[in-house]
Amino acid sequence: MPQVLDFADVVVRRNARNIVDHVDWTVTDDQRWVILGPNGAGKTTILQLAATLIHPTSGIVTILDERLGRTDVFELRPRIGFASSAMAKRVPPEETVLDVVLTAAYSVLGRWNEDYEQIDEKRARRVLAEWKLEHLAERTFGTLSDGEQKRVQIARAVMTDPEMLLLDEPTASLDLGGREELLALLGGYAQAPTTPAMIMVTHHVEEIPVGFTHVLLMAEGGIVAQGPIDQTLTAENLTRTFGVEIALSHENGRFAARAAG
């Protein structure tokens, strides 16, 4: 299958420390990856590289057949869907939900003087319906619950039919009901044949949606293990990743982990 992302010996160094340490990794357009690891493992930095928000200190990052550092990232970014808590903080709280999603067509946050066509609004409303947000279209972003804001971010990220979708801890801070509602939606989306490659960062195996195919386990900036999720997400690999002996269970496509003993 065509590659959408390739890391070759990638290093990101800050303050004389490698926060991404010689990473080799490839994602194809039919794969759904989850990145797992403890705080400080380099997970979000990997996602920032994939989103063209930062450049590597050394090594080669190729995104959608374009080499980072040798391409116009402003032309590349509209081809990438990206949702993160950091982005949510930049959304004007008085912006309507419809406009938050609609402005993805111009890759801007906050509606100004852009000229949108009727087809854009129809597309935005259809995406809102797919993520069970149509009843919130005229609400302002700042009045939404955490779970609703998370879904709006993802709806915005898929508005432009991206070739790669990046999700940074999409279920963080959600209560159990909000988490399970979002994971059900993500699981359905991940299993649809027309869905693009997906990469999701999380700290918890319980937050891996059904339908995700691969896992990248990281610790201290490096890769502990990577590959198909049913072969790679093991108690042994999680123990090596988190430094605590882990017991892992798997039922109906979902995982659960706890300290062993």
Protein backbone atom coordinates (compact mmCIF):
# COMPACT_ATOMS: atom_id res chain seq x y z
CA MET A 1 0.00 0.00 0.00
CA PRO A 2 1.18 3.60 -0.58
CA GLN A 3 3.20 5.17 2.20
CA VAL A 4 1.80 8.30 3.85
CA LEU A 5 4.56 8.75 6.43
CA ASP A 6 8.16 7.63 6.71
CA PHE A 7 10.73 8.39 9.42
CA ALA A 8 14.35 7.50 8.64
CA ASP A 9 16.81 7.77 11.56
CA VAL A 10 14.89 10.76 12.93
CA VAL A 11 16.26 12.72 15.89
CA VAL A 12 14.74 15.71 17.67
CA ARG A 13 17.21 17.24 20.13
CA ARG A 14 16.42 19.90 22.72
CA ASN A 15 18.74 21.17 25.44
CA ALA A 16 21.35 18.54 24.53
CA ARG A 17 18.80 15.73 24.98
CA ASN A 18 17.26 13.56 22.28
CA ILE A 19 13.51 13.66 22.87
CA VAL A 20 13.09 11.59 19.70
CA ASP A 21 16.02 9.23 19.41
CA HIS A 22 16.89 7.69 16.02
CA VAL A 23 13.38 6.60 15.07
CA ASP A 24 12.63 4.53 11.96
CA TRP A 25 8.92 4.12 11.24
CA THR A 26 6.62 3.78 8.22
CA VAL A 27 2.84 4.20 7.94
CA THR A 28 0.79 3.15 4.90
CA ASP A 29 -2.59 4.51 3.95
CA ASP A 30 -4.55 1.44 5.10
CA GLN A 31 -3.13 1.42 8.64
CA ARG A 32 -4.49 2.77 11.94
CA TRP A 33 -1.68 3.34 14.45
CA VAL A 34 -1.79 4.04 18.17
CA ILE A 35 1.31 5.48 19.87
CA LEU A 36 1.66 4.43 23.51
CA GLY A 37 4.21 5.32 26.16
CA PRO A 38 4.80 7.13 29.44
CA ASN A 39 5.03 10.90 29.86
CA GLY A 40 8.15 12.24 28.18
CA ALA A 41 8.44 9.31 25.78
CA GLY A 42 8.32 11.55 22.70
CA LYS A 43 4.81 10.65 21.53
CA THR A 44 3.49 14.16 20.98
CA THR A 45 6.76 15.23 19.35
CA ILE A 46 6.34 12.40 16.83
CA LEU A 47 2.85 13.69 16.07
CA GLN A 48 4.11 17.27 15.71
CA LEU A 49 6.65 16.07 13.14
CA ALA A 50 3.92 14.23 11.22
CA ALA A 51 1.77 17.39 11.34
CA THR A 52 4.67 19.50 9.91
CA LEU A 53 4.62 21.69 13.05
CA ILE A 54 8.31 21.06 13.81
CA HIS A 55 11.34 19.80 11.87
CA PRO A 56 13.77 17.07 12.91
CA THR A 57 17.24 17.89 14.17
CA SER A 58 18.53 15.13 11.90
CA GLY A 59 17.15 12.32 9.80
CA ILE A 60 14.48 12.37 7.10
CA VAL A 61 10.71 12.77 7.54
CA THR A 62 8.66 12.10 4.40
CA ILE A 63 4.97 13.03 4.54
CA LEU A 64 2.61 12.23 1.66
CA ASP A 65 5.64 11.87 -0.65
CA GLU A 66 7.01 15.27 0.41
CA ARG A 67 10.25 15.60 2.37
CA LEU A 68 9.95 17.85 5.41
CA GLY A 69 12.34 20.77 5.00
CA ARG A 70 12.18 20.63 1.20
CA THR A 71 8.50 21.35 0.68
CA ASP A 72 6.03 24.14 1.39
CA VAL A 73 4.37 23.02 4.63
CA PHE A 74 1.52 25.49 4.07
CA GLU A 75 0.52 23.54 0.97
CA LEU A 76 1.03 20.20 2.72
CA ARG A 77 -0.92 20.91 5.92
CA PRO A 78 -4.40 21.01 4.33
CA ARG A 79 -3.82 17.37 3.33
CA ILE A 80 -3.37 16.41 7.00
CA GLY A 81 -6.14 16.34 9.60
CA PHE A 82 -4.91 17.19 13.10
CA ALA A 83 -6.80 17.41 16.40
CA SER A 84 -5.18 18.27 19.73
CA SER A 85 -5.94 20.00 23.00
CA ALA A 86 -3.41 22.69 22.08
CA MET A 87 -5.41 23.48 18.95
CA ALA A 88 -8.65 23.66 20.94
CA LYS A 89 -7.18 26.42 23.11
CA ARG A 90 -6.73 28.54 19.97
CA VAL A 91 -10.38 28.29 18.89
CA PRO A 92 -12.24 31.55 19.67
CA PRO A 93 -14.80 30.60 22.35
CA GLU A 94 -17.49 32.70 20.64
CA GLU A 95 -17.07 30.83 17.31
CA THR A 96 -20.04 28.69 16.35
CA VAL A 97 -19.53 24.96 16.01
CA LEU A 98 -20.46 25.16 12.33
CA ASP A 99 -17.80 27.83 11.72
CA VAL A 100 -15.15 25.90 13.67
CA VAL A 101 -15.61 23.03 11.23
CA LEU A 102 -16.20 25.19 8.16
CA THR A 103 -13.00 27.22 8.55
CA ALA A 104 -10.95 24.06 8.09
CA ALA A 105 -11.51 24.61 4.36
CA TYR A 106 -9.10 27.58 4.61
CA SER A 107 -6.94 26.08 7.39
CA VAL A 108 -7.75 29.00 9.69
CA LEU A 109 -9.18 29.27 13.19
CA GLY A 110 -11.74 32.03 13.58
CA ARG A 111 -13.95 33.13 10.71
CA TRP A 112 -13.01 36.45 9.13
CA ASN A 113 -13.74 37.43 5.52
CA GLU A 114 -13.39 34.06 3.82
CA ASP A 115 -15.87 33.30 1.06
CA TYR A 116 -17.41 29.86 1.51
CA GLU A 117 -19.53 28.15 -1.10
CA GLN A 118 -22.80 26.37 -0.37
CA ILE A 119 -21.07 23.04 -0.99
CA ASP A 120 -18.65 23.84 1.87
CA GLU A 121 -21.48 24.42 4.33
CA LYS A 122 -23.26 21.24 3.19
CA ARG A 123 -20.05 19.29 3.71
CA ALA A 124 -19.56 20.82 7.19
CA ARG A 125 -23.11 19.96 8.23
CA ARG A 126 -22.72 16.41 6.93
CA VAL A 127 -19.52 15.96 8.94
CA LEU A 128 -21.22 17.32 12.04
CA ALA A 129 -23.99 14.76 11.59
CA GLU A 130 -21.46 11.94 11.22
CA TRP A 131 -19.94 12.88 14.59
CA LYS A 132 -23.37 13.38 16.23
CA LEU A 133 -22.97 17.15 16.50
CA GLU A 134 -25.62 18.48 14.10
CA HIS A 135 -27.79 19.70 16.99
CA LEU A 136 -24.89 21.86 18.19
CA ALA A 137 -24.16 23.62 14.89
CA GLU A 138 -25.24 27.08 16.11
CA ARG A 139 -23.84 26.72 19.64
CA THR A 140 -20.61 28.53 20.46
CA PHE A 141 -17.50 26.44 21.02
CA GLY A 142 -16.88 27.85 24.49
CA THR A 143 -20.22 26.58 25.79
CA LEU A 144 -19.58 22.93 24.90
CA SER A 145 -18.60 20.12 27.24
CA ASP A 146 -15.12 18.59 26.96
CA GLY A 147 -16.51 15.61 25.08
CA GLU A 148 -18.38 17.82 22.63
CA GLN A 149 -15.30 19.96 22.05
CA LYS A 150 -13.23 16.85 21.34
CA ARG A 151 -15.74 15.67 18.73
CA VAL A 152 -15.83 19.13 17.13
CA GLN A 153 -12.04 19.08 16.82
CA ILE A 154 -12.16 15.72 15.07
CA ALA A 155 -15.01 16.84 12.80
CA ARG A 156 -12.88 19.83 11.83
CA ALA A 157 -9.90 17.55 11.20
CA VAL A 158 -11.86 15.36 8.75
CA MET A 159 -13.71 18.26 7.07
CA THR A 160 -11.24 18.48 4.16
CA ASP A 161 -11.05 14.71 3.49
CA PRO A 162 -7.43 14.49 4.69
CA GLU A 163 -4.99 11.87 3.48
CA MET A 164 -3.77 11.32 7.04
CA LEU A 165 -5.54 11.94 10.36
CA LEU A 166 -3.56 12.71 13.54
CA LEU A 167 -5.21 12.63 16.98
CA ASP A 168 -3.35 13.72 20.10
CA GLU A 169 -4.99 12.17 23.18
CA PRO A 170 -8.55 12.62 21.91
CA THR A 171 -10.15 11.09 25.02
CA ALA A 172 -8.01 12.87 27.63
CA SER A 173 -10.02 14.53 30.45
CA LEU A 174 -13.30 12.86 29.40
CA ASP A 175 -15.52 11.04 31.89
CA LEU A 176 -16.37 7.39 31.28
CA GLY A 177 -19.51 8.12 29.28
CA GLY A 178 -17.85 10.76 27.11
CA ARG A 179 -14.84 8.53 26.53
CA GLU A 180 -16.89 5.52 25.47
CA GLU A 181 -19.10 7.60 23.17
CA LEU A 182 -16.06 9.04 21.41
CA LEU A 183 -14.26 5.69 21.21
CA ALA A 184 -17.35 4.13 19.59
CA LEU A 185 -17.37 6.89 16.96
CA LEU A 186 -13.63 6.56 16.37
CA GLY A 187 -13.92 2.79 16.10
CA GLY A 188 -16.63 3.06 13.46
CA TYR A 189 -14.61 5.64 11.56
CA ALA A 190 -11.41 3.56 11.75
CA GLN A 191 -13.14 0.55 10.22
CA ALA A 192 -14.70 2.41 7.27
CA PRO A 193 -12.97 1.50 3.98
CA THR A 194 -12.68 5.13 2.84
CA THR A 195 -11.01 6.37 6.03
CA PRO A 196 -7.46 7.71 5.64
CA ALA A 197 -4.44 6.52 7.60
CA MET A 198 -4.88 7.32 11.30
CA ILE A 199 -2.32 7.93 14.05
CA MET A 200 -3.50 8.42 17.62
CA VAL A 201 -1.47 9.19 20.75
CA THR A 202 -2.68 7.95 24.13
CA HIS A 203 -1.34 6.87 27.53
CA HIS A 204 -3.85 4.08 28.13
CA VAL A 205 -4.58 0.83 26.28
CA GLU A 206 -8.23 1.18 27.36
CA GLU A 207 -8.45 4.18 25.01
CA ILE A 208 -7.52 2.25 21.86
CA PRO A 209 -10.59 2.14 19.59
CA VAL A 210 -11.71 -1.04 17.90
CA GLY A 211 -10.33 -1.18 14.37
CA PHE A 212 -6.83 0.09 15.09
CA THR A 213 -4.32 -2.15 13.36
CA HIS A 214 -0.83 -1.21 14.59
CA VAL A 215 0.95 0.03 17.70
CA LEU A 216 4.14 2.02 18.29
CA LEU A 217 5.47 1.68 21.84
CA MET A 218 7.89 4.42 22.95
CA ALA A 219 10.05 5.17 25.97
CA GLU A 220 12.71 7.85 26.47
CA GLY A 221 12.43 9.01 22.87
CA GLY A 222 13.07 5.62 21.31
CA ILE A 223 11.00 2.75 19.99
CA VAL A 224 10.49 -0.20 22.31
CA ALA A 225 8.39 -2.18 19.81
CA GLN A 226 6.26 -1.57 16.72
CA GLY A 227 4.05 -3.62 14.45
CA PRO A 228 0.58 -5.19 14.12
CA ILE A 229 -1.36 -4.61 17.32
CA ASP A 230 -2.34 -8.24 17.91
CA GLN A 231 1.32 -9.29 17.85
CA THR A 232 3.01 -6.25 19.40
CA LEU A 233 0.69 -5.07 22.17
CA THR A 234 1.74 -7.65 24.75
CA ALA A 235 2.19 -7.62 28.52
CA GLU A 236 5.93 -8.12 28.02
CA ASN A 237 6.25 -5.12 25.68
CA LEU A 238 4.10 -2.93 27.92
CA THR A 239 6.27 -3.89 30.91
CA ARG A 240 9.38 -2.84 28.98
CA THR A 241 7.69 0.40 27.89
CA PHE A 242 6.35 1.57 31.25
CA GLY A 243 8.91 -0.01 33.60
CA VAL A 244 6.21 -1.71 35.67
CA GLU A 245 5.12 -5.33 35.37
CA ILE A 246 1.84 -5.23 33.45
CA ALA A 247 -1.00 -7.71 33.03
CA LEU A 248 -2.93 -7.26 29.78
CA SER A 249 -6.38 -8.50 28.78
CA HIS A 250 -8.23 -8.30 25.48
CA GLU A 251 -11.97 -8.74 24.92
CA ASN A 252 -14.25 -7.83 22.00
CA GLY A 253 -11.56 -5.75 20.34
CA ARG A 254 -10.76 -3.67 23.44
CA PHE A 255 -7.73 -3.85 25.74
CA ALA A 256 -7.29 -3.37 29.49
CA ALA A 257 -4.09 -3.21 31.52
CA ARG A 258 -3.19 -3.21 35.22
CA ALA A 259 -0.16 -3.79 37.38
CA ALA A 260 0.56 -7.52 37.66
CA GLY A 261 0.45 -9.21 41.04
